[in-house]
Amino acid sequence: LAMLLQNSTTKTNVINPCYPQDYSTSLMGSHIFDSLCTEDL
């Protein structure tokens, strides 16, 4: 998700080809980046 956000032209609405069609979800930045694994992203 961090990579998708990094490569997206918009930082609030991001296309995810792995999520099913007709599905969307909103996540806080902390959900993605408050981890040592995404620190560099």
All heavy atoms as atom14 arrays in JSON, in Angstrom:
{
  "sequence": "LAMLLQNSTTKTNVINPCYPQDYSTSLMGSHIFDSLCTEDL",
  "atom14_mask": [
    [1, 1, 1, 1, 1, 1, 1, 1, 0, 0, 0, 0, 0, 0],
    [1, 1, 1, 1, 1, 0, 0, 0, 0, 0, 0, 0, 0, 0],
    [1, 1, 1, 1, 1, 1, 1, 1, 0, 0, 0, 0, 0, 0],
    [1, 1, 1, 1, 1, 1, 1, 1, 0, 0, 0, 0, 0, 0],
    [1, 1, 1, 1, 1, 1, 1, 1, 0, 0, 0, 0, 0, 0],
    [1, 1, 1, 1, 1, 1, 1, 1, 1, 0, 0, 0, 0, 0],
    [1, 1, 1, 1, 1, 1, 1, 1, 0, 0, 0, 0, 0, 0],
    [1, 1, 1, 1, 1, 1, 0, 0, 0, 0, 0, 0, 0, 0],
    [1, 1, 1, 1, 1, 1, 1, 0, 0, 0, 0, 0, 0, 0],
    [1, 1, 1, 1, 1, 1, 1, 0, 0, 0, 0, 0, 0, 0],
    [1, 1, 1, 1, 1, 1, 1, 1, 1, 0, 0, 0, 0, 0],
    [1, 1, 1, 1, 1, 1, 1, 0, 0, 0, 0, 0, 0, 0],
    [1, 1, 1, 1, 1, 1, 1, 1, 0, 0, 0, 0, 0, 0],
    [1, 1, 1, 1, 1, 1, 1, 0, 0, 0, 0, 0, 0, 0],
    [1, 1, 1, 1, 1, 1, 1, 1, 0, 0, 0, 0, 0, 0],
    [1, 1, 1, 1, 1, 1, 1, 1, 0, 0, 0, 0, 0, 0],
    [1, 1, 1, 1, 1, 1, 1, 0, 0, 0, 0, 0, 0, 0],
    [1, 1, 1, 1, 1, 1, 0, 0, 0, 0, 0, 0, 0, 0],
    [1, 1, 1, 1, 1, 1, 1, 1, 1, 1, 1, 1, 0, 0],
    [1, 1, 1, 1, 1, 1, 1, 0, 0, 0, 0, 0, 0, 0],
    [1, 1, 1, 1, 1, 1, 1, 1, 1, 0, 0, 0, 0, 0],
    [1, 1, 1, 1, 1, 1, 1, 1, 0, 0, 0, 0, 0, 0],
    [1, 1, 1, 1, 1, 1, 1, 1, 1, 1, 1, 1, 0, 0],
    [1, 1, 1, 1, 1, 1, 0, 0, 0, 0, 0, 0, 0, 0],
    [1, 1, 1, 1, 1, 1, 1, 0, 0, 0, 0, 0, 0, 0],
    [1, 1, 1, 1, 1, 1, 0, 0, 0, 0, 0, 0, 0, 0],
    [1, 1, 1, 1, 1, 1, 1, 1, 0, 0, 0, 0, 0, 0],
    [1, 1, 1, 1, 1, 1, 1, 1, 0, 0, 0, 0, 0, 0],
    [1, 1, 1, 1, 0, 0, 0, 0, 0, 0, 0, 0, 0, 0],
    [1, 1, 1, 1, 1, 1, 0, 0, 0, 0, 0, 0, 0, 0],
    [1, 1, 1, 1, 1, 1, 1, 1, 1, 1, 0, 0, 0, 0],
    [1, 1, 1, 1, 1, 1, 1, 1, 0, 0, 0, 0, 0, 0],
    [1, 1, 1, 1, 1, 1, 1, 1, 1, 1, 1, 0, 0, 0],
    [1, 1, 1, 1, 1, 1, 1, 1, 0, 0, 0, 0, 0, 0],
    [1, 1, 1, 1, 1, 1, 0, 0, 0, 0, 0, 0, 0, 0],
    [1, 1, 1, 1, 1, 1, 1, 1, 0, 0, 0, 0, 0, 0],
    [1, 1, 1, 1, 1, 1, 0, 0, 0, 0, 0, 0, 0, 0],
    [1, 1, 1, 1, 1, 1, 1, 0, 0, 0, 0, 0, 0, 0],
    [1, 1, 1, 1, 1, 1, 1, 1, 1, 0, 0, 0, 0, 0],
    [1, 1, 1, 1, 1, 1, 1, 1, 0, 0, 0, 0, 0, 0],
    [1, 1, 1, 1, 1, 1, 1, 1, 0, 0, 0, 0, 0, 0]
  ],
  "atom14_positions": [
    [[0.83, -1.21, 0.0], [0.0, 0.0, 0.0], [0.87, 1.26, 0.0], [0.53, 2.26, -0.66], [-0.93, -0.01, 1.22], [-1.98, -1.13, 1.28], [-2.75, -1.05, 2.58], [-2.91, -1.06, 0.08], [0.0, 0.0, 0.0], [0.0, 0.0, 0.0], [0.0, 0.0, 0.0], [0.0, 0.0, 0.0], [0.0, 0.0, 0.0], [0.0, 0.0, 0.0]],
    [[1.97, 1.2, 0.74], [2.89, 2.35, 0.77], [3.49, 2.62, -0.6], [3.65, 3.77, -1.01], [3.98, 2.1, 1.8], [0.0, 0.0, 0.0], [0.0, 0.0, 0.0], [0.0, 0.0, 0.0], [0.0, 0.0, 0.0], [0.0, 0.0, 0.0], [0.0, 0.0, 0.0], [0.0, 0.0, 0.0], [0.0, 0.0, 0.0], [0.0, 0.0, 0.0]],
    [[3.82, 1.56, -1.34], [4.37, 1.71, -2.68], [3.33, 2.27, -3.64], [3.64, 3.1, -4.51], [4.91, 0.37, -3.19], [6.16, -0.1, -2.46], [6.68, -1.78, -2.93], [6.96, -1.56, -4.69], [0.0, 0.0, 0.0], [0.0, 0.0, 0.0], [0.0, 0.0, 0.0], [0.0, 0.0, 0.0], [0.0, 0.0, 0.0], [0.0, 0.0, 0.0]],
    [[2.09, 1.79, -3.52], [1.02, 2.33, -4.36], [0.85, 3.82, -4.11], [0.68, 4.62, -5.06], [-0.29, 1.59, -4.09], [-0.38, 0.12, -4.5], [-1.74, -0.45, -4.12], [-0.13, -0.05, -6.0], [0.0, 0.0, 0.0], [0.0, 0.0, 0.0], [0.0, 0.0, 0.0], [0.0, 0.0, 0.0], [0.0, 0.0, 0.0], [0.0, 0.0, 0.0]],
    [[0.88, 4.19, -2.84], [0.75, 5.61, -2.49], [1.93, 6.41, -3.02], [1.75, 7.52, -3.53], [0.66, 5.75, -0.96], [0.55, 7.18, -0.42], [-0.73, 7.85, -0.92], [0.57, 7.17, 1.11], [0.0, 0.0, 0.0], [0.0, 0.0, 0.0], [0.0, 0.0, 0.0], [0.0, 0.0, 0.0], [0.0, 0.0, 0.0], [0.0, 0.0, 0.0]],
    [[3.1, 5.84, -2.91], [4.32, 6.52, -3.38], [4.27, 6.79, -4.87], [4.76, 7.82, -5.35], [5.53, 5.65, -3.03], [6.88, 6.33, -3.13], [8.0, 5.41, -2.7], [8.16, 4.32, -3.24], [8.79, 5.85, -1.72], [0.0, 0.0, 0.0], [0.0, 0.0, 0.0], [0.0, 0.0, 0.0], [0.0, 0.0, 0.0], [0.0, 0.0, 0.0]],
    [[3.67, 5.88, -5.65], [3.62, 6.01, -7.11], [2.34, 6.65, -7.63], [2.15, 6.77, -8.84], [3.78, 4.63, -7.75], [5.12, 3.99, -7.43], [6.13, 4.68, -7.3], [5.13, 2.67, -7.29], [0.0, 0.0, 0.0], [0.0, 0.0, 0.0], [0.0, 0.0, 0.0], [0.0, 0.0, 0.0], [0.0, 0.0, 0.0], [0.0, 0.0, 0.0]],
    [[1.48, 7.06, -6.71], [0.2, 7.66, -7.11], [0.34, 9.17, -7.32], [1.1, 9.83, -6.61], [-0.86, 7.37, -6.05], [-2.07, 8.01, -6.36], [0.0, 0.0, 0.0], [0.0, 0.0, 0.0], [0.0, 0.0, 0.0], [0.0, 0.0, 0.0], [0.0, 0.0, 0.0], [0.0, 0.0, 0.0], [0.0, 0.0, 0.0], [0.0, 0.0, 0.0]],
    [[-0.4, 9.67, -8.3], [-0.37, 11.12, -8.56], [-1.13, 11.88, -7.49], [-0.83, 13.04, -7.21], [-0.96, 11.43, -9.94], [-2.28, 10.86, -10.02], [-0.09, 10.83, -11.04], [0.0, 0.0, 0.0], [0.0, 0.0, 0.0], [0.0, 0.0, 0.0], [0.0, 0.0, 0.0], [0.0, 0.0, 0.0], [0.0, 0.0, 0.0], [0.0, 0.0, 0.0]],
    [[-2.11, 11.22, -6.91], [-2.84, 11.85, -5.81], [-2.53, 11.09, -4.52], [-2.33, 9.87, -4.55], [-4.37, 11.81, -6.05], [-4.81, 10.45, -6.07], [-4.71, 12.48, -7.36], [0.0, 0.0, 0.0], [0.0, 0.0, 0.0], [0.0, 0.0, 0.0], [0.0, 0.0, 0.0], [0.0, 0.0, 0.0], [0.0, 0.0, 0.0], [0.0, 0.0, 0.0]],
    [[-2.46, 11.79, -3.41], [-2.07, 11.17, -2.15], [-3.26, 10.89, -1.24], [-3.07, 10.45, -0.1], [-1.08, 12.09, -1.42], [0.16, 12.41, -2.23], [0.9, 11.13, -2.69], [2.12, 11.45, -3.53], [2.79, 10.24, -4.04], [0.0, 0.0, 0.0], [0.0, 0.0, 0.0], [0.0, 0.0, 0.0], [0.0, 0.0, 0.0], [0.0, 0.0, 0.0]],
    [[-4.45, 11.11, -1.74], [-5.64, 10.84, -0.92], [-6.52, 9.75, -1.54], [-7.23, 9.04, -0.82], [-6.48, 12.11, -0.74], [-6.79, 12.67, -2.03], [-5.71, 13.13, 0.1], [0.0, 0.0, 0.0], [0.0, 0.0, 0.0], [0.0, 0.0, 0.0], [0.0, 0.0, 0.0], [0.0, 0.0, 0.0], [0.0, 0.0, 0.0], [0.0, 0.0, 0.0]],
    [[-6.5, 9.62, -2.87], [-7.26, 8.58, -3.55], [-6.29, 7.75, -4.4], [-5.7, 8.26, -5.36], [-8.35, 9.17, -4.45], [-9.48, 9.75, -3.62], [-9.38, 10.88, -3.13], [-10.55, 8.99, -3.45], [0.0, 0.0, 0.0], [0.0, 0.0, 0.0], [0.0, 0.0, 0.0], [0.0, 0.0, 0.0], [0.0, 0.0, 0.0], [0.0, 0.0, 0.0]],
    [[-6.14, 6.48, -4.03], [-5.14, 5.63, -4.67], [-5.81, 4.39, -5.28], [-6.68, 3.78, -4.65], [-4.07, 5.19, -3.65], [-3.02, 4.3, -4.31], [-3.41, 6.4, -3.0], [0.0, 0.0, 0.0], [0.0, 0.0, 0.0], [0.0, 0.0, 0.0], [0.0, 0.0, 0.0], [0.0, 0.0, 0.0], [0.0, 0.0, 0.0], [0.0, 0.0, 0.0]],
    [[-5.42, 4.07, -6.52], [-5.94, 2.88, -7.18], [-5.17, 1.66, -6.71], [-3.95, 1.64, -6.69], [-5.81, 3.02, -8.72], [-6.62, 4.21, -9.22], [-6.26, 1.72, -9.41], [-8.09, 4.11, -8.93], [0.0, 0.0, 0.0], [0.0, 0.0, 0.0], [0.0, 0.0, 0.0], [0.0, 0.0, 0.0], [0.0, 0.0, 0.0], [0.0, 0.0, 0.0]],
    [[-5.92, 0.61, -6.31], [-5.31, -0.66, -5.88], [-5.83, -1.78, -6.78], [-6.98, -2.21, -6.65], [-5.67, -0.94, -4.42], [-4.97, -2.18, -3.88], [-4.43, -2.98, -4.63], [-4.99, -2.35, -2.56], [0.0, 0.0, 0.0], [0.0, 0.0, 0.0], [0.0, 0.0, 0.0], [0.0, 0.0, 0.0], [0.0, 0.0, 0.0], [0.0, 0.0, 0.0]],
    [[-4.98, -2.28, -7.71], [-5.45, -3.32, -8.64], [-5.71, -4.67, -7.95], [-6.34, -5.55, -8.55], [-4.29, -3.44, -9.63], [-3.08, -3.0, -8.86], [-3.58, -1.92, -7.93], [0.0, 0.0, 0.0], [0.0, 0.0, 0.0], [0.0, 0.0, 0.0], [0.0, 0.0, 0.0], [0.0, 0.0, 0.0], [0.0, 0.0, 0.0], [0.0, 0.0, 0.0]],
    [[-5.25, -4.83, -6.71], [-5.45, -6.11, -6.01], [-6.74, -6.13, -5.2], [-7.23, -7.21, -4.85], [-4.27, -6.39, -5.09], [-2.7, -6.66, -5.94], [0.0, 0.0, 0.0], [0.0, 0.0, 0.0], [0.0, 0.0, 0.0], [0.0, 0.0, 0.0], [0.0, 0.0, 0.0], [0.0, 0.0, 0.0], [0.0, 0.0, 0.0], [0.0, 0.0, 0.0]],
    [[-7.29, -4.96, -4.87], [-8.59, -4.93, -4.21], [-9.67, -5.25, -5.23], [-9.54, -4.9, -6.42], [-8.86, -3.56, -3.6], [-8.25, -3.32, -2.24], [-8.2, -2.03, -1.7], [-7.75, -4.36, -1.47], [-7.64, -1.78, -0.45], [-7.19, -4.13, -0.23], [-7.14, -2.84, 0.29], [-6.58, -2.62, 1.52], [0.0, 0.0, 0.0], [0.0, 0.0, 0.0]],
    [[-10.77, -5.9, -4.83], [-11.83, -6.25, -5.78], [-12.48, -5.0, -6.4], [-12.5, -3.93, -5.79], [-12.84, -7.0, -4.92], [-12.09, -7.44, -3.71], [-11.06, -6.38, -3.47], [0.0, 0.0, 0.0], [0.0, 0.0, 0.0], [0.0, 0.0, 0.0], [0.0, 0.0, 0.0], [0.0, 0.0, 0.0], [0.0, 0.0, 0.0], [0.0, 0.0, 0.0]],
    [[-12.97, -5.17, -7.59], [-13.72, -4.11, -8.24], [-14.97, -3.79, -7.4], [-15.55, -4.67, -6.78], [-14.13, -4.55, -9.65], [-14.76, -3.46, -10.49], [-15.09, -3.95, -11.89], [-14.79, -5.09, -12.24], [-15.69, -3.1, -12.69], [0.0, 0.0, 0.0], [0.0, 0.0, 0.0], [0.0, 0.0, 0.0], [0.0, 0.0, 0.0], [0.0, 0.0, 0.0]],
    [[-15.32, -2.53, -7.34], [-16.47, -2.03, -6.57], [-16.19, -2.01, -5.07], [-17.13, -1.93, -4.26], [-17.75, -2.86, -6.83], [-18.16, -2.85, -8.29], [-17.88, -1.84, -8.97], [-18.73, -3.86, -8.74], [0.0, 0.0, 0.0], [0.0, 0.0, 0.0], [0.0, 0.0, 0.0], [0.0, 0.0, 0.0], [0.0, 0.0, 0.0], [0.0, 0.0, 0.0]],
    [[-14.93, -2.1, -4.69], [-14.61, -2.02, -3.27], [-13.66, -0.85, -3.03], [-12.74, -0.59, -3.81], [-13.92, -3.3, -2.76], [-13.46, -3.2, -1.32], [-14.36, -3.37, -0.27], [-12.13, -2.89, -1.01], [-13.96, -3.26, 1.05], [-11.71, -2.78, 0.3], [-12.63, -2.96, 1.34], [-12.22, -2.84, 2.63], [0.0, 0.0, 0.0], [0.0, 0.0, 0.0]],
    [[-13.9, -0.13, -1.93], [-12.98, 0.94, -1.52], [-12.96, 1.0, 0.0], [-13.94, 0.62, 0.66], [-13.41, 2.29, -2.1], [-14.63, 2.71, -1.52], [0.0, 0.0, 0.0], [0.0, 0.0, 0.0], [0.0, 0.0, 0.0], [0.0, 0.0, 0.0], [0.0, 0.0, 0.0], [0.0, 0.0, 0.0], [0.0, 0.0, 0.0], [0.0, 0.0, 0.0]],
    [[-11.85, 1.45, 0.53], [-11.71, 1.58, 1.98], [-10.79, 2.76, 2.29], [-9.92, 3.11, 1.48], [-11.12, 0.29, 2.59], [-11.15, 0.4, 4.01], [-9.69, 0.04, 2.13], [0.0, 0.0, 0.0], [0.0, 0.0, 0.0], [0.0, 0.0, 0.0], [0.0, 0.0, 0.0], [0.0, 0.0, 0.0], [0.0, 0.0, 0.0], [0.0, 0.0, 0.0]],
    [[-11.02, 3.37, 3.42], [-10.21, 4.51, 3.84], [-9.37, 4.1, 5.05], [-9.91, 3.56, 6.03], [-11.1, 5.7, 4.19], [-11.79, 6.16, 3.04], [0.0, 0.0, 0.0], [0.0, 0.0, 0.0], [0.0, 0.0, 0.0], [0.0, 0.0, 0.0], [0.0, 0.0, 0.0], [0.0, 0.0, 0.0], [0.0, 0.0, 0.0], [0.0, 0.0, 0.0]],
    [[-8.08, 4.36, 4.98], [-7.14, 3.98, 6.04], [-6.36, 5.2, 6.49], [-6.02, 6.08, 5.69], [-6.16, 2.91, 5.53], [-6.78, 1.61, 4.98], [-5.7, 0.74, 4.37], [-7.53, 0.87, 6.08], [0.0, 0.0, 0.0], [0.0, 0.0, 0.0], [0.0, 0.0, 0.0], [0.0, 0.0, 0.0], [0.0, 0.0, 0.0], [0.0, 0.0, 0.0]],
    [[-6.06, 5.24, 7.78], [-5.23, 6.31, 8.3], [-3.77, 6.05, 7.94], [-3.35, 4.89, 7.81], [-5.39, 6.42, 9.82], [-6.77, 6.87, 10.26], [-6.89, 7.01, 12.08], [-5.68, 8.3, 12.4], [0.0, 0.0, 0.0], [0.0, 0.0, 0.0], [0.0, 0.0, 0.0], [0.0, 0.0, 0.0], [0.0, 0.0, 0.0], [0.0, 0.0, 0.0]],
    [[-3.02, 7.11, 7.82], [-1.61, 6.98, 7.5], [-0.87, 6.13, 8.52], [0.05, 5.37, 8.18], [0.0, 0.0, 0.0], [0.0, 0.0, 0.0], [0.0, 0.0, 0.0], [0.0, 0.0, 0.0], [0.0, 0.0, 0.0], [0.0, 0.0, 0.0], [0.0, 0.0, 0.0], [0.0, 0.0, 0.0], [0.0, 0.0, 0.0], [0.0, 0.0, 0.0]],
    [[-1.27, 6.23, 9.79], [-0.6, 5.47, 10.84], [-0.77, 3.96, 10.65], [0.08, 3.16, 11.05], [-1.15, 5.88, 12.21], [-2.55, 5.66, 12.28], [0.0, 0.0, 0.0], [0.0, 0.0, 0.0], [0.0, 0.0, 0.0], [0.0, 0.0, 0.0], [0.0, 0.0, 0.0], [0.0, 0.0, 0.0], [0.0, 0.0, 0.0], [0.0, 0.0, 0.0]],
    [[-1.89, 3.54, 10.03], [-2.13, 2.12, 9.78], [-1.04, 1.54, 8.87], [-0.65, 0.37, 9.01], [-3.51, 1.91, 9.14], [-3.77, 0.5, 8.71], [-4.21, -0.47, 9.58], [-3.65, -0.1, 7.48], [-4.35, -1.62, 8.92], [-4.02, -1.42, 7.64], [0.0, 0.0, 0.0], [0.0, 0.0, 0.0], [0.0, 0.0, 0.0], [0.0, 0.0, 0.0]],
    [[-0.56, 2.36, 7.96], [0.43, 1.9, 6.99], [1.86, 2.14, 7.46], [2.72, 1.27, 7.36], [0.21, 2.59, 5.62], [-1.2, 2.31, 5.11], [1.26, 2.17, 4.61], [-1.58, 3.12, 3.88], [0.0, 0.0, 0.0], [0.0, 0.0, 0.0], [0.0, 0.0, 0.0], [0.0, 0.0, 0.0], [0.0, 0.0, 0.0], [0.0, 0.0, 0.0]],
    [[2.12, 3.31, 8.03], [3.5, 3.73, 8.24], [4.01, 3.63, 9.68], [5.2, 3.84, 9.92], [3.67, 5.17, 7.74], [3.47, 5.31, 6.26], [2.3, 5.87, 5.75], [4.43, 4.86, 5.38], [2.11, 6.0, 4.38], [4.26, 4.98, 4.01], [3.09, 5.55, 3.5], [0.0, 0.0, 0.0], [0.0, 0.0, 0.0], [0.0, 0.0, 0.0]],
    [[3.15, 3.3, 10.62], [3.65, 3.13, 11.99], [4.2, 1.72, 12.18], [3.8, 0.97, 13.06], [2.53, 3.41, 13.0], [2.37, 4.9, 13.27], [3.05, 5.69, 12.58], [1.58, 5.26, 14.15], [0.0, 0.0, 0.0], [0.0, 0.0, 0.0], [0.0, 0.0, 0.0], [0.0, 0.0, 0.0], [0.0, 0.0, 0.0], [0.0, 0.0, 0.0]],
    [[5.14, 1.37, 11.33], [5.79, 0.06, 11.36], [7.21, 0.22, 10.87], [7.5, 1.03, 9.98], [5.05, -0.94, 10.46], [5.81, -2.12, 10.29], [0.0, 0.0, 0.0], [0.0, 0.0, 0.0], [0.0, 0.0, 0.0], [0.0, 0.0, 0.0], [0.0, 0.0, 0.0], [0.0, 0.0, 0.0], [0.0, 0.0, 0.0], [0.0, 0.0, 0.0]],
    [[8.09, -0.53, 11.46], [9.49, -0.5, 11.06], [9.65, -0.95, 9.61], [10.61, -0.54, 8.93], [10.3, -1.41, 11.98], [11.78, -1.08, 12.15], [11.97, 0.31, 12.75], [12.44, -2.14, 13.03], [0.0, 0.0, 0.0], [0.0, 0.0, 0.0], [0.0, 0.0, 0.0], [0.0, 0.0, 0.0], [0.0, 0.0, 0.0], [0.0, 0.0, 0.0]],
    [[8.72, -1.77, 9.13], [8.83, -2.31, 7.78], [8.53, -1.28, 6.7], [8.91, -1.47, 5.53], [7.89, -3.51, 7.61], [8.29, -4.9, 8.71], [0.0, 0.0, 0.0], [0.0, 0.0, 0.0], [0.0, 0.0, 0.0], [0.0, 0.0, 0.0], [0.0, 0.0, 0.0], [0.0, 0.0, 0.0], [0.0, 0.0, 0.0], [0.0, 0.0, 0.0]],
    [[7.82, -0.2, 7.04], [7.49, 0.83, 6.06], [8.18, 2.16, 6.38], [7.85, 3.19, 5.8], [5.96, 1.04, 6.0], [5.48, 1.31, 7.32], [5.27, -0.19, 5.45], [0.0, 0.0, 0.0], [0.0, 0.0, 0.0], [0.0, 0.0, 0.0], [0.0, 0.0, 0.0], [0.0, 0.0, 0.0], [0.0, 0.0, 0.0], [0.0, 0.0, 0.0]],
    [[9.13, 2.11, 7.31], [9.81, 3.33, 7.75], [10.44, 4.09, 6.58], [10.37, 5.32, 6.5], [10.89, 2.96, 8.78], [11.57, 4.15, 9.44], [10.7, 4.84, 10.48], [9.82, 4.17, 11.05], [10.9, 6.05, 10.69], [0.0, 0.0, 0.0], [0.0, 0.0, 0.0], [0.0, 0.0, 0.0], [0.0, 0.0, 0.0], [0.0, 0.0, 0.0]],
    [[11.06, 3.34, 5.66], [11.78, 3.99, 4.55], [10.85, 4.42, 3.42], [11.3, 5.0, 2.42], [12.84, 3.04, 3.99], [12.25, 1.73, 3.49], [11.15, 1.36, 3.97], [12.87, 1.07, 2.63], [0.0, 0.0, 0.0], [0.0, 0.0, 0.0], [0.0, 0.0, 0.0], [0.0, 0.0, 0.0], [0.0, 0.0, 0.0], [0.0, 0.0, 0.0]],
    [[9.54, 4.16, 3.55], [8.59, 4.52, 2.49], [7.67, 5.67, 2.89], [6.76, 6.02, 2.14], [7.74, 3.29, 2.12], [8.49, 2.1, 1.5], [7.56, 0.91, 1.34], [9.11, 2.48, 0.17], [0.0, 0.0, 0.0], [0.0, 0.0, 0.0], [0.0, 0.0, 0.0], [0.0, 0.0, 0.0], [0.0, 0.0, 0.0], [0.0, 0.0, 0.0]]
  ]
}
